Amino acid sequence: MKFWKSILLVFMVIGMTSCRDNIGIVDSVASPQAGDEATSIAYSKYEDPIVIRVGFKVPDSRLNTGDSNDNNPITRYLESITNIKVVHSWEAKGEDAFTQKVQLAIDSNDLPDAMVVDRDQLKKLIDNDMIEDLTETYKIYGSELIKDMYNSTKGEALEDASRDGKLYGLPNVAIDADSPVLLWVRQDWLEKLELRPPQTFEDIEKIAKAFIEKDPDGNGKRDTVGLSGYKNIVYGTKPLVNGLDAVFSAFHAFPTNWIKDKNGNIVYGSITPETKQALAKLADWYKHGLLDPDFALYKETQEPIITGKSGMFFGPWWMPYYPLSEAVALDTKAEWRAYAAPVDDSGKFVAHLAPVTDRYLVVRKGLEHPEAVIKQLNVFTRLERRQDPNQEEVKKLGDFSAQTGIQLRAYYPFDLLIDYRDAIEKHYADIQQALHGKIDPDTLNSDTRLIYDQWVAETEQPKKDLEGWKAANAYKYGVAVLTSTAIEGVRGVFYGNTRLMKTKWPELQNLENETFLNIIVGDSPLSDFDVFVAKWKSMGGEEITEEVAEIVKQK
């Protein structure tokens, strides 16, 4: 069956190409690893230059080479192998500014040729017939690598970007490992004070108290923090540094998420009795100084971690990449370890699981060459996944990245990374096989082999190469905990906006944020939670819940 699908695809390609003779596609700079027609067209180069205009999210890293955001070694390389010139219609720095810029482009009906949008923006674009149906274009021009990655979600990712069987966007893929929130602990402090590793709430409280009172950094001052926090309390879907989501999860509370309660009813996770319990715990920690008294005041939430003041914080597996790499650069004696804590009252580690996708690459309706956008995605995804065959040019890019500290992905035309859903667990399993002599390291794919080499180098000479330290510690400690822990995952049932949310949600969110923060810092009693719930319902929350329940029912 697969053979006949391939034959059919070849004929589709021939037919499509004959209709586009004026495009003039030739072979890529270097032949792809797979030699069939379907693969080569995914990476083929245009004879004549093609220009696509995009909306670009400016990264934090700065080019100091005299180049610009759309003319630098990374963009020039991508153009050299595709003959597609990417021009920035507009730029925006930061997630919020970019989202606003996208919304303005939609509202004014002045779209760039391609841009990345969120779920609500995708819906509006489809409703107003503003973007291309990419179904056939993706089938013909999508690379096998990208298709394999989407297939790892068992159809969920592409379905989430589709309506009535038509594909309207190329989605990102949420890696499963990114959802659970781990507790990262200063292991050198833990061992110095002869404390056992944390598992329960009580363990965390004991460690935090000791980190505050027993001068773990040895400077003779009481200036260390037990547990860091994030001023907005939780991240909700995709956890980042200092979010307190794990505390709520241990109570089976999932604020900001729509979930099913034990009776199967749709509820908003922020108004459940379990959320009240978690707030009571955090308020108690704050009252006793276990939670950083200044957590709501930091301009940058990671500040106490980087400066060596914090002894514990919550974050996903990849924290060694950032901010721990910065912390260790300033204090090479610092040792950090991850733990699956706190567990619930029955000893289970509970985590909210993020949606499979939440961003989509869309193409303006009427663009002459929509396949050019997909081909760009093909080439930078292949580069990102270390499968680009143009080894000499790729090495030059690697040297550029090493010399400047700039990640190549920062200057891809679109902020849309795609990987296998279980990529992290696969890397770890293969590395373990190689480390234990069960497989030859030379058989590892290039992505996994790089992490393996960094792991080995870090073991032999700890902290000599901080770039290698990042990956080695993220996998050795972060991923190791994930793969050895039985995680009880809870998925949300709805993401996006309803009709009433468009007008009522900002006010409801402000009410929620103020209530949670005030309860935790002691400005309001815990009983105000019940007042909040009643007010939330009366201000439109109850009606919105009915809307969400109806949408979920229709699915």
Protein backbone atom coordinates (compact mmCIF):
# COMPACT_ATOMS: atom_id res chain seq x y z
CA MET A 1 0.00 0.00 0.00
CA LYS A 2 2.83 2.38 0.91
CA PHE A 3 4.47 1.64 -2.48
CA TRP A 4 1.32 2.61 -4.37
CA LYS A 5 0.97 5.78 -2.30
CA SER A 6 4.50 6.69 -3.34
CA ILE A 7 3.72 6.06 -7.00
CA LEU A 8 0.58 8.18 -6.77
CA LEU A 9 2.58 10.96 -5.12
CA VAL A 10 5.13 10.92 -7.94
CA PHE A 11 2.33 11.42 -10.48
CA MET A 12 0.89 14.23 -8.37
CA VAL A 13 4.30 15.86 -8.29
CA ILE A 14 4.71 15.56 -12.07
CA GLY A 15 1.26 17.04 -12.61
CA MET A 16 1.90 19.85 -10.14
CA THR A 17 5.28 20.65 -11.64
CA SER A 18 3.90 20.78 -15.20
CA CYS A 19 1.36 23.33 -14.02
CA ARG A 20 4.17 25.42 -12.57
CA ASP A 21 6.70 25.31 -15.40
CA ASN A 22 7.28 29.02 -14.95
CA ILE A 23 8.63 28.41 -11.45
CA GLY A 24 11.64 26.52 -12.71
CA ILE A 25 12.70 24.13 -9.93
CA VAL A 26 16.11 22.50 -10.11
CA ASP A 27 17.99 20.10 -7.87
CA SER A 28 19.06 21.22 -4.43
CA VAL A 29 22.66 22.22 -3.68
CA ALA A 30 23.28 18.77 -2.26
CA SER A 31 21.17 15.70 -2.85
CA PRO A 32 18.95 14.75 0.06
CA GLN A 33 19.77 11.53 1.90
CA ALA A 34 16.65 9.88 0.53
CA GLY A 35 16.70 9.78 -3.22
CA ASP A 36 13.06 9.47 -4.22
CA GLU A 37 11.21 12.19 -6.14
CA ALA A 38 8.89 13.06 -3.26
CA THR A 39 11.84 13.82 -0.99
CA SER A 40 13.93 15.77 -3.51
CA ILE A 41 11.10 18.15 -4.42
CA ALA A 42 10.80 19.04 -0.75
CA TYR A 43 14.33 20.44 -0.83
CA SER A 44 14.62 21.47 -4.48
CA LYS A 45 15.94 24.89 -5.49
CA TYR A 46 14.10 27.43 -7.65
CA GLU A 47 15.80 28.47 -10.89
CA ASP A 48 14.58 32.04 -10.52
CA PRO A 49 14.49 33.85 -7.18
CA ILE A 50 11.28 33.75 -5.18
CA VAL A 51 10.50 36.41 -2.56
CA ILE A 52 8.25 35.80 0.44
CA ARG A 53 7.38 38.46 2.99
CA VAL A 54 6.95 37.36 6.58
CA GLY A 55 6.12 38.68 10.02
CA PHE A 56 9.21 38.12 12.18
CA LYS A 57 9.65 37.78 15.94
CA VAL A 58 12.95 39.44 16.87
CA PRO A 59 15.00 37.25 19.24
CA ASP A 60 16.70 38.41 22.44
CA SER A 61 20.12 37.64 20.98
CA ARG A 62 21.75 40.47 19.06
CA LEU A 63 23.70 40.30 15.83
CA ASN A 64 27.01 42.09 16.31
CA THR A 65 28.41 41.26 12.91
CA GLY A 66 26.99 44.16 10.91
CA ASP A 67 24.20 41.91 9.62
CA SER A 68 20.46 42.44 9.89
CA ASN A 69 17.57 40.26 11.03
CA ASP A 70 16.78 39.22 7.45
CA ASN A 71 20.33 39.28 6.08
CA ASN A 72 22.80 37.24 8.12
CA PRO A 73 24.72 33.96 7.80
CA ILE A 74 21.63 31.92 8.63
CA THR A 75 19.25 33.62 6.21
CA ARG A 76 21.91 33.71 3.48
CA TYR A 77 22.48 29.98 3.82
CA LEU A 78 18.77 29.16 3.60
CA GLU A 79 18.46 31.39 0.55
CA SER A 80 21.47 29.76 -1.10
CA ILE A 81 19.91 26.31 -1.05
CA THR A 82 16.35 27.34 -1.95
CA ASN A 83 16.68 30.57 -3.96
CA ILE A 84 13.90 31.90 -1.72
CA LYS A 85 14.58 35.37 -0.37
CA VAL A 86 12.78 36.09 2.88
CA VAL A 87 11.95 39.75 3.53
CA HIS A 88 10.47 40.97 6.82
CA SER A 89 7.20 42.83 6.26
CA TRP A 90 7.37 43.81 9.92
CA GLU A 91 9.21 42.81 13.08
CA ALA A 92 8.19 42.64 16.73
CA LYS A 93 10.29 41.85 19.78
CA GLY A 94 8.80 39.65 22.47
CA GLU A 95 5.85 37.27 22.49
CA ASP A 96 3.22 39.85 23.45
CA ALA A 97 4.37 42.43 20.90
CA PHE A 98 4.46 39.78 18.17
CA THR A 99 0.96 38.55 19.00
CA GLN A 100 -0.34 42.13 18.87
CA LYS A 101 1.35 42.74 15.53
CA VAL A 102 -0.21 39.57 14.09
CA GLN A 103 -3.61 40.63 15.38
CA LEU A 104 -3.23 44.06 13.78
CA ALA A 105 -2.33 42.43 10.44
CA ILE A 106 -5.46 40.28 10.65
CA ASP A 107 -7.78 43.10 11.72
CA SER A 108 -6.51 45.40 8.96
CA ASN A 109 -6.61 42.59 6.36
CA ASP A 110 -2.97 43.33 5.55
CA LEU A 111 -1.28 39.97 5.94
CA PRO A 112 2.34 39.22 5.11
CA ASP A 113 2.80 36.21 2.83
CA ALA A 114 3.32 33.98 5.86
CA MET A 115 3.40 34.24 9.65
CA VAL A 116 2.93 32.21 12.81
CA VAL A 117 -0.41 32.60 14.61
CA ASP A 118 -2.08 31.26 17.73
CA ARG A 119 -5.21 29.13 17.92
CA ASP A 120 -7.70 32.00 18.09
CA GLN A 121 -6.01 33.85 15.26
CA LEU A 122 -6.08 30.71 13.10
CA LYS A 123 -9.81 30.41 13.70
CA LYS A 124 -10.44 34.00 12.67
CA LEU A 125 -8.33 33.64 9.54
CA ILE A 126 -10.25 30.52 8.49
CA ASP A 127 -13.61 32.11 9.29
CA ASN A 128 -12.78 35.06 7.05
CA ASP A 129 -11.22 33.01 4.23
CA MET A 130 -7.91 34.89 4.53
CA ILE A 131 -5.43 31.99 4.30
CA GLU A 132 -4.54 29.24 1.86
CA ASP A 133 -5.83 25.69 2.04
CA LEU A 134 -2.49 23.87 2.27
CA THR A 135 -3.80 20.31 2.06
CA GLU A 136 -2.40 19.39 -1.38
CA THR A 137 0.62 21.68 -1.16
CA TYR A 138 1.70 19.99 2.07
CA LYS A 139 1.13 16.51 0.62
CA ILE A 140 3.38 17.28 -2.33
CA TYR A 141 6.04 19.56 -0.84
CA GLY A 142 6.15 18.54 2.82
CA SER A 143 9.38 16.68 3.62
CA GLU A 144 9.32 13.11 4.88
CA LEU A 145 11.05 14.33 8.05
CA ILE A 146 8.25 16.77 8.85
CA LYS A 147 5.57 14.24 7.97
CA ASP A 148 7.17 11.66 10.29
CA MET A 149 7.18 14.18 13.12
CA TYR A 150 3.53 15.02 12.61
CA ASN A 151 2.75 11.31 12.43
CA SER A 152 4.29 10.90 15.89
CA THR A 153 1.23 12.77 17.24
CA LYS A 154 -1.07 10.15 15.66
CA GLY A 155 -2.79 12.79 13.58
CA GLU A 156 -3.57 15.17 16.45
CA ALA A 157 -1.29 18.02 15.32
CA LEU A 158 -2.56 18.25 11.74
CA GLU A 159 -6.15 17.74 12.85
CA ASP A 160 -5.78 20.69 15.21
CA ALA A 161 -4.77 22.88 12.24
CA SER A 162 -7.59 21.63 10.01
CA ARG A 163 -11.26 22.32 9.43
CA ASP A 164 -13.67 20.22 7.40
CA GLY A 165 -10.78 18.04 6.27
CA LYS A 166 -8.73 20.96 4.95
CA LEU A 167 -5.31 21.86 6.34
CA TYR A 168 -4.95 25.60 6.97
CA GLY A 169 -1.66 25.77 8.87
CA LEU A 170 1.53 23.89 9.64
CA PRO A 171 1.49 23.38 13.44
CA ASN A 172 4.28 23.12 15.94
CA VAL A 173 4.53 19.91 17.98
CA ALA A 174 4.54 20.00 21.76
CA ILE A 175 7.16 17.60 23.10
CA ASP A 176 5.65 15.40 25.81
CA ALA A 177 8.63 15.96 28.09
CA ASP A 178 8.00 19.71 28.18
CA SER A 179 4.78 19.40 30.20
CA PRO A 180 5.79 18.03 33.64
CA VAL A 181 7.19 20.52 36.16
CA LEU A 182 10.14 19.26 38.22
CA LEU A 183 11.65 20.62 41.41
CA TRP A 184 15.25 21.75 40.85
CA VAL A 185 17.39 21.79 44.01
CA ARG A 186 20.89 23.02 44.89
CA GLN A 187 22.36 19.58 45.47
CA ASP A 188 25.59 20.92 46.96
CA TRP A 189 23.56 22.76 49.62
CA LEU A 190 21.41 19.69 50.21
CA GLU A 191 24.46 17.51 50.84
CA LYS A 192 26.26 20.15 52.90
CA LEU A 193 23.29 20.34 55.28
CA GLU A 194 22.84 16.54 55.19
CA LEU A 195 19.24 16.67 54.04
CA ARG A 196 17.43 13.90 52.22
CA PRO A 197 16.10 14.50 48.69
CA PRO A 198 12.58 15.96 48.49
CA GLN A 199 9.49 13.99 47.67
CA THR A 200 6.61 15.31 49.77
CA PHE A 201 5.39 18.76 50.76
CA GLU A 202 6.92 18.20 54.18
CA ASP A 203 10.31 17.43 52.62
CA ILE A 204 10.21 20.66 50.61
CA GLU A 205 9.29 22.67 53.70
CA LYS A 206 12.14 21.19 55.73
CA ILE A 207 14.68 21.86 52.97
CA ALA A 208 13.46 25.41 52.37
CA LYS A 209 13.69 26.22 56.09
CA ALA A 210 17.24 24.87 56.26
CA PHE A 211 18.31 26.73 53.11
CA ILE A 212 17.10 29.98 54.68
CA GLU A 213 18.43 29.51 58.20
CA LYS A 214 21.64 27.47 57.94
CA ASP A 215 23.77 29.61 55.61
CA PRO A 216 24.17 27.01 52.84
CA ASP A 217 26.36 29.31 50.72
CA GLY A 218 28.73 29.84 53.65
CA ASN A 219 28.99 33.61 53.42
CA GLY A 220 27.94 34.22 57.02
CA LYS A 221 24.79 36.09 56.00
CA ARG A 222 21.13 35.17 56.04
CA ASP A 223 20.57 36.05 52.40
CA THR A 224 19.45 32.81 50.75
CA VAL A 225 15.97 31.90 49.51
CA GLY A 226 14.20 28.61 50.15
CA LEU A 227 11.90 28.40 47.14
CA SER A 228 11.65 30.84 44.22
CA GLY A 229 8.31 31.82 42.69
CA TYR A 230 6.73 33.40 39.62
CA LYS A 231 4.71 36.60 40.10
CA ASN A 232 1.81 35.28 37.97
CA ILE A 233 1.82 32.08 40.07
CA VAL A 234 1.28 29.52 37.26
CA TYR A 235 1.96 29.24 33.54
CA GLY A 236 -1.02 26.95 32.96
CA THR A 237 -0.13 25.11 29.75
CA LYS A 238 3.58 25.38 28.96
CA PRO A 239 5.61 25.57 32.17
CA LEU A 240 8.65 27.77 32.45
CA VAL A 241 11.02 28.80 35.23
CA ASN A 242 9.59 29.38 38.73
CA GLY A 243 5.95 28.54 37.90
CA LEU A 244 4.19 27.01 40.90
CA ASP A 245 2.04 24.70 38.77
CA ALA A 246 3.49 21.57 40.44
CA VAL A 247 2.15 22.62 43.83
CA PHE A 248 -1.37 22.84 42.38
CA SER A 249 -0.98 19.57 40.45
CA ALA A 250 -0.15 17.71 43.67
CA PHE A 251 -3.60 18.76 44.92
CA HIS A 252 -5.10 17.71 41.56
CA ALA A 253 -5.74 21.38 40.80
CA PHE A 254 -5.15 22.80 37.32
CA PRO A 255 -5.72 26.57 37.32
CA THR A 256 -6.24 28.37 33.98
CA ASN A 257 -7.15 25.04 32.31
CA TRP A 258 -10.52 23.61 31.36
CA ILE A 259 -10.77 20.08 32.75
CA LYS A 260 -13.30 17.40 33.65
CA ASP A 261 -14.09 16.96 37.33
CA LYS A 262 -14.56 13.56 38.99
CA ASN A 263 -18.19 13.54 37.81
CA GLY A 264 -17.21 14.20 34.18
CA ASN A 265 -18.44 17.79 34.16
CA ILE A 266 -16.49 20.56 32.39
CA VAL A 267 -15.02 22.97 34.95
CA TYR A 268 -12.57 25.83 34.93
CA GLY A 269 -9.58 24.62 36.95
CA SER A 270 -9.06 27.91 38.77
CA ILE A 271 -12.34 27.73 40.69
CA THR A 272 -12.17 24.18 42.10
CA PRO A 273 -11.88 23.28 45.83
CA GLU A 274 -8.51 21.68 45.05
CA THR A 275 -7.20 25.04 43.84
CA LYS A 276 -8.25 26.56 47.17
CA GLN A 277 -6.21 23.88 48.98
CA ALA A 278 -3.12 24.69 46.92
CA LEU A 279 -3.50 28.41 47.60
CA ALA A 280 -3.72 27.66 51.32
CA LYS A 281 -0.43 25.74 51.12
CA LEU A 282 1.33 28.54 49.22
CA ALA A 283 -0.03 31.18 51.61
CA ASP A 284 1.36 29.17 54.52
CA TRP A 285 4.76 28.88 52.82
CA TYR A 286 4.83 32.61 52.16
CA LYS A 287 3.79 33.43 55.74
CA HIS A 288 6.68 31.37 57.09
CA GLY A 289 9.20 32.75 54.59
CA LEU A 290 9.68 29.44 52.76
CA LEU A 291 8.49 31.00 49.49
CA ASP A 292 10.70 33.91 48.45
CA PRO A 293 9.19 37.04 50.10
CA ASP A 294 10.14 39.06 47.01
CA PHE A 295 8.87 36.61 44.36
CA ALA A 296 6.25 39.05 43.04
CA LEU A 297 8.69 41.96 42.79
CA TYR A 298 11.37 40.68 40.42
CA LYS A 299 11.45 42.19 36.96
CA GLU A 300 13.06 38.96 35.72
CA THR A 301 11.76 35.93 37.61
CA GLN A 302 15.03 33.99 37.21
CA GLU A 303 17.13 36.66 38.98
CA PRO A 304 17.52 34.90 42.39
CA ILE A 305 18.48 31.65 40.64
CA ILE A 306 21.16 33.20 38.46
CA THR A 307 22.62 35.24 41.34
CA GLY A 308 22.93 32.16 43.53
CA LYS A 309 20.35 33.14 46.16
CA SER A 310 17.74 30.47 45.46
CA GLY A 311 17.99 26.92 46.73
CA MET A 312 14.93 25.46 44.98
CA PHE A 313 12.66 26.32 42.08
CA PHE A 314 10.17 24.61 39.78
CA GLY A 315 10.76 24.21 36.06
CA PRO A 316 10.76 21.72 33.16
CA TRP A 317 13.56 19.28 32.30
CA TRP A 318 15.54 21.73 30.17
CA MET A 319 16.39 24.21 32.94
CA PRO A 320 20.16 23.56 32.61
CA TYR A 321 19.99 25.25 29.19
CA TYR A 322 18.61 28.34 30.94
CA PRO A 323 18.72 29.76 33.60
CA LEU A 324 21.00 27.20 35.29
CA SER A 325 23.77 27.64 32.72
CA GLU A 326 23.92 31.32 33.72
CA ALA A 327 23.91 30.43 37.42
CA VAL A 328 26.71 27.90 37.07
CA ALA A 329 28.76 30.29 34.94
CA LEU A 330 28.74 32.70 37.89
CA ASP A 331 29.31 29.99 40.51
CA THR A 332 30.97 26.84 39.20
CA LYS A 333 30.57 25.16 42.60
CA ALA A 334 26.80 25.10 42.14
CA GLU A 335 25.29 21.64 41.55
CA TRP A 336 21.65 21.32 40.60
CA ARG A 337 19.47 18.19 40.55
CA ALA A 338 15.85 17.60 39.54
CA TYR A 339 13.22 15.74 41.56
CA ALA A 340 9.65 14.63 40.86
CA ALA A 341 8.17 16.52 43.79
CA PRO A 342 5.82 17.16 45.43
CA VAL A 343 3.76 13.99 45.12
CA ASP A 344 0.07 13.88 46.01
CA ASP A 345 -1.25 12.39 49.24
CA SER A 346 -1.23 8.90 47.71
CA GLY A 347 2.38 9.20 46.52
CA LYS A 348 1.63 9.85 42.84
CA PHE A 349 3.38 12.51 40.76
CA VAL A 350 0.70 14.42 38.87
CA ALA A 351 1.23 16.75 35.90
CA HIS A 352 -0.91 18.71 33.49
CA LEU A 353 -0.16 17.76 29.88
CA ALA A 354 0.07 20.58 27.38
CA PRO A 355 -1.96 20.55 24.15
CA VAL A 356 -0.21 18.85 21.25
CA THR A 357 0.11 22.17 19.41
CA ASP A 358 -0.62 25.84 19.96
CA ARG A 359 1.00 27.72 17.04
CA TYR A 360 0.49 27.50 13.31
CA LEU A 361 2.37 28.68 10.23
CA VAL A 362 -0.19 30.11 7.81
CA VAL A 363 0.02 31.38 4.23
CA ARG A 364 -1.80 34.41 2.87
CA LYS A 365 -4.71 33.60 0.56
CA GLY A 366 -3.69 34.06 -3.05
CA LEU A 367 0.09 33.77 -2.60
CA GLU A 368 1.48 32.69 -5.98
CA HIS A 369 3.91 30.15 -4.53
CA PRO A 370 2.54 28.80 -1.23
CA GLU A 371 4.91 25.85 -1.56
CA ALA A 372 7.84 28.24 -1.00
CA VAL A 373 6.74 28.65 2.63
CA ILE A 374 6.65 24.90 3.16
CA LYS A 375 10.03 24.49 1.49
CA GLN A 376 11.49 27.04 3.91
CA LEU A 377 10.06 25.02 6.78
CA ASN A 378 11.56 21.86 5.29
CA VAL A 379 15.10 23.22 5.06
CA PHE A 380 15.37 24.86 8.45
CA THR A 381 13.71 21.89 10.18
CA ARG A 382 16.23 19.58 8.51
CA LEU A 383 19.01 21.89 9.69
CA GLU A 384 17.61 22.08 13.22
CA ARG A 385 17.31 18.31 13.44
CA ARG A 386 20.93 17.89 12.26
CA GLN A 387 19.98 16.09 9.05
CA ASP A 388 21.23 18.70 6.60
CA PRO A 389 23.63 16.97 4.15
CA ASN A 390 25.53 20.17 3.26
CA GLN A 391 28.18 19.46 5.85
CA GLU A 392 30.71 22.14 4.96
CA GLU A 393 28.15 24.96 5.06
CA VAL A 394 26.54 23.59 8.21
CA LYS A 395 29.94 23.58 9.91
CA LYS A 396 30.38 27.25 9.07
CA LEU A 397 27.01 27.98 10.65
CA GLY A 398 28.05 26.00 13.71
CA ASP A 399 31.23 28.04 13.98
CA PHE A 400 29.21 31.25 13.67
CA SER A 401 26.90 30.08 16.46
CA ALA A 402 29.83 29.11 18.71
CA GLN A 403 31.63 32.42 18.16
CA THR A 404 28.61 34.66 18.69
CA GLY A 405 26.53 32.61 21.12
CA ILE A 406 23.57 33.00 18.75
CA GLN A 407 21.37 29.96 18.22
CA LEU A 408 20.64 29.34 14.57
CA ARG A 409 16.93 28.94 15.27
CA ALA A 410 16.76 32.57 16.41
CA TYR A 411 16.99 33.71 12.79
CA TYR A 412 14.93 31.09 11.00
CA PRO A 413 12.13 32.86 9.09
CA PHE A 414 9.49 31.43 11.44
CA ASP A 415 9.50 30.69 15.16
CA LEU A 416 8.07 27.22 14.66
CA LEU A 417 10.03 24.20 15.83
CA ILE A 418 8.88 20.71 14.98
CA ASP A 419 10.15 17.51 16.55
CA TYR A 420 8.97 14.03 17.41
CA ARG A 421 6.48 14.05 20.25
CA ASP A 422 8.64 11.62 22.25
CA ALA A 423 11.97 12.95 20.95
CA ILE A 424 13.50 13.60 24.37
CA GLU A 425 12.70 10.15 25.73
CA LYS A 426 14.09 8.57 22.53
CA HIS A 427 17.36 10.49 22.83
CA TYR A 428 17.74 9.43 26.46
CA ALA A 429 16.97 5.75 25.83
CA ASP A 430 19.47 5.55 22.97
CA ILE A 431 22.15 7.37 24.98
CA GLN A 432 21.70 4.92 27.85
CA GLN A 433 22.08 2.01 25.44
CA ALA A 434 25.33 3.48 24.13
CA LEU A 435 26.69 4.33 27.59
CA HIS A 436 26.10 0.77 28.75
CA GLY A 437 27.74 -0.75 25.70
CA LYS A 438 24.56 -2.24 24.28
CA ILE A 439 24.80 -0.31 21.02
CA ASP A 440 27.67 1.33 19.14
CA PRO A 441 27.65 5.14 19.60
CA ASP A 442 28.41 5.42 15.88
CA THR A 443 24.92 4.08 15.15
CA LEU A 444 23.23 7.00 16.94
CA ASN A 445 21.58 9.63 14.77
CA SER A 446 23.46 12.91 14.64
CA ASP A 447 21.18 14.70 17.11
CA THR A 448 21.49 11.95 19.72
CA ARG A 449 25.21 11.46 19.08
CA LEU A 450 25.91 15.11 19.88
CA ILE A 451 24.16 14.80 23.26
CA TYR A 452 25.99 11.50 23.92
CA ASP A 453 29.36 13.14 23.19
CA GLN A 454 28.51 16.07 25.46
CA TRP A 455 27.45 13.67 28.22
CA VAL A 456 30.71 11.72 27.98
CA ALA A 457 32.84 14.89 27.85
CA GLU A 458 31.03 16.37 30.85
CA THR A 459 31.56 13.17 32.83
CA GLU A 460 35.27 13.17 32.07
CA GLN A 461 35.84 16.91 32.65
CA PRO A 462 32.94 18.49 34.57
CA LYS A 463 32.06 22.08 33.66
CA LYS A 464 34.98 22.52 31.29
CA ASP A 465 32.58 23.24 28.42
CA LEU A 466 29.39 24.96 29.56
CA GLU A 467 27.70 24.37 26.20
CA GLY A 468 28.16 20.65 26.71
CA TRP A 469 27.20 21.00 30.39
CA LYS A 470 23.76 22.27 29.40
CA ALA A 471 22.72 19.21 27.41
CA ALA A 472 24.50 16.71 29.66
CA ASN A 473 22.81 17.99 32.82
CA ALA A 474 19.40 18.44 31.21
CA TYR A 475 19.42 14.80 30.15
CA LYS A 476 21.42 13.29 33.00
CA TYR A 477 19.17 14.82 35.65
CA GLY A 478 16.03 16.33 34.09
CA VAL A 479 15.14 13.66 31.54
CA ALA A 480 16.38 10.87 33.80
CA VAL A 481 13.73 11.82 36.35
CA LEU A 482 10.98 12.00 33.73
CA THR A 483 11.77 8.57 32.29
CA SER A 484 12.01 6.90 35.71
CA THR A 485 8.85 8.42 37.18
CA ALA A 486 5.31 7.16 36.77
CA ILE A 487 3.50 10.36 35.83
CA GLU A 488 -0.26 10.69 36.17
CA GLY A 489 -1.01 13.05 33.32
CA VAL A 490 -4.14 15.19 33.10
CA ARG A 491 -5.15 16.82 29.82
CA GLY A 492 -7.26 19.90 29.36
CA VAL A 493 -10.42 19.51 27.29
CA PHE A 494 -10.52 22.94 25.63
CA TYR A 495 -8.09 25.62 24.49
CA GLY A 496 -8.95 28.86 22.78
CA ASN A 497 -11.77 31.38 23.10
CA THR A 498 -15.54 31.26 23.10
CA ARG A 499 -17.88 34.05 21.99
CA LEU A 500 -18.26 35.51 25.48
CA MET A 501 -14.58 35.17 26.31
CA LYS A 502 -13.73 37.83 23.75
CA THR A 503 -15.38 40.50 25.90
CA LYS A 504 -15.43 39.06 29.42
CA TRP A 505 -12.18 37.11 29.74
CA PRO A 506 -9.70 39.96 30.41
CA GLU A 507 -11.73 41.13 33.42
CA LEU A 508 -12.10 37.58 34.72
CA GLN A 509 -8.37 36.97 34.37
CA ASN A 510 -7.55 40.15 36.27
CA LEU A 511 -9.92 39.08 39.04
CA GLU A 512 -8.26 35.67 39.20
CA ASN A 513 -4.69 36.97 39.18
CA GLU A 514 -5.36 39.56 41.89
CA THR A 515 -7.21 37.08 44.09
CA PHE A 516 -4.52 34.40 43.89
CA LEU A 517 -1.66 36.79 44.55
CA ASN A 518 -3.44 38.56 47.41
CA ILE A 519 -4.27 35.27 49.12
CA ILE A 520 -0.72 33.97 48.81
CA VAL A 521 0.98 37.12 50.14
CA GLY A 522 -1.54 37.47 52.96
CA ASP A 523 -3.29 40.63 51.77
CA SER A 524 -6.57 38.69 51.59
CA PRO A 525 -7.89 35.80 53.72
CA LEU A 526 -8.30 32.34 52.19
CA SER A 527 -12.07 32.81 52.47
CA ASP A 528 -11.81 35.37 49.66
CA PHE A 529 -11.40 32.41 47.32
CA ASP A 530 -15.09 31.58 47.76
CA VAL A 531 -15.98 35.23 47.10
CA PHE A 532 -13.84 35.06 43.94
CA VAL A 533 -15.60 31.91 42.71
CA ALA A 534 -19.06 33.43 43.18
CA LYS A 535 -18.00 36.66 41.51
CA TRP A 536 -16.30 34.81 38.65
CA LYS A 537 -19.50 32.90 37.91
CA SER A 538 -21.71 35.99 38.07
CA MET A 539 -19.40 38.05 35.82
CA GLY A 540 -19.87 35.62 32.93
CA GLY A 541 -17.86 32.61 34.01
CA GLU A 542 -20.89 30.37 34.34
CA GLU A 543 -22.09 31.24 30.83
CA ILE A 544 -18.60 30.74 29.41
CA THR A 545 -18.47 27.32 31.08
CA GLU A 546 -21.68 26.41 29.27
CA GLU A 547 -20.15 27.58 25.97
CA VAL A 548 -17.03 25.48 26.55
CA ALA A 549 -19.11 22.41 27.50
CA GLU A 550 -21.12 22.77 24.28
CA ILE A 551 -17.98 23.07 22.13
CA VAL A 552 -16.44 19.99 23.79
CA LYS A 553 -19.70 18.09 23.30
CA GLN A 554 -19.74 18.93 19.58
CA LYS A 555 -16.20 17.61 19.16
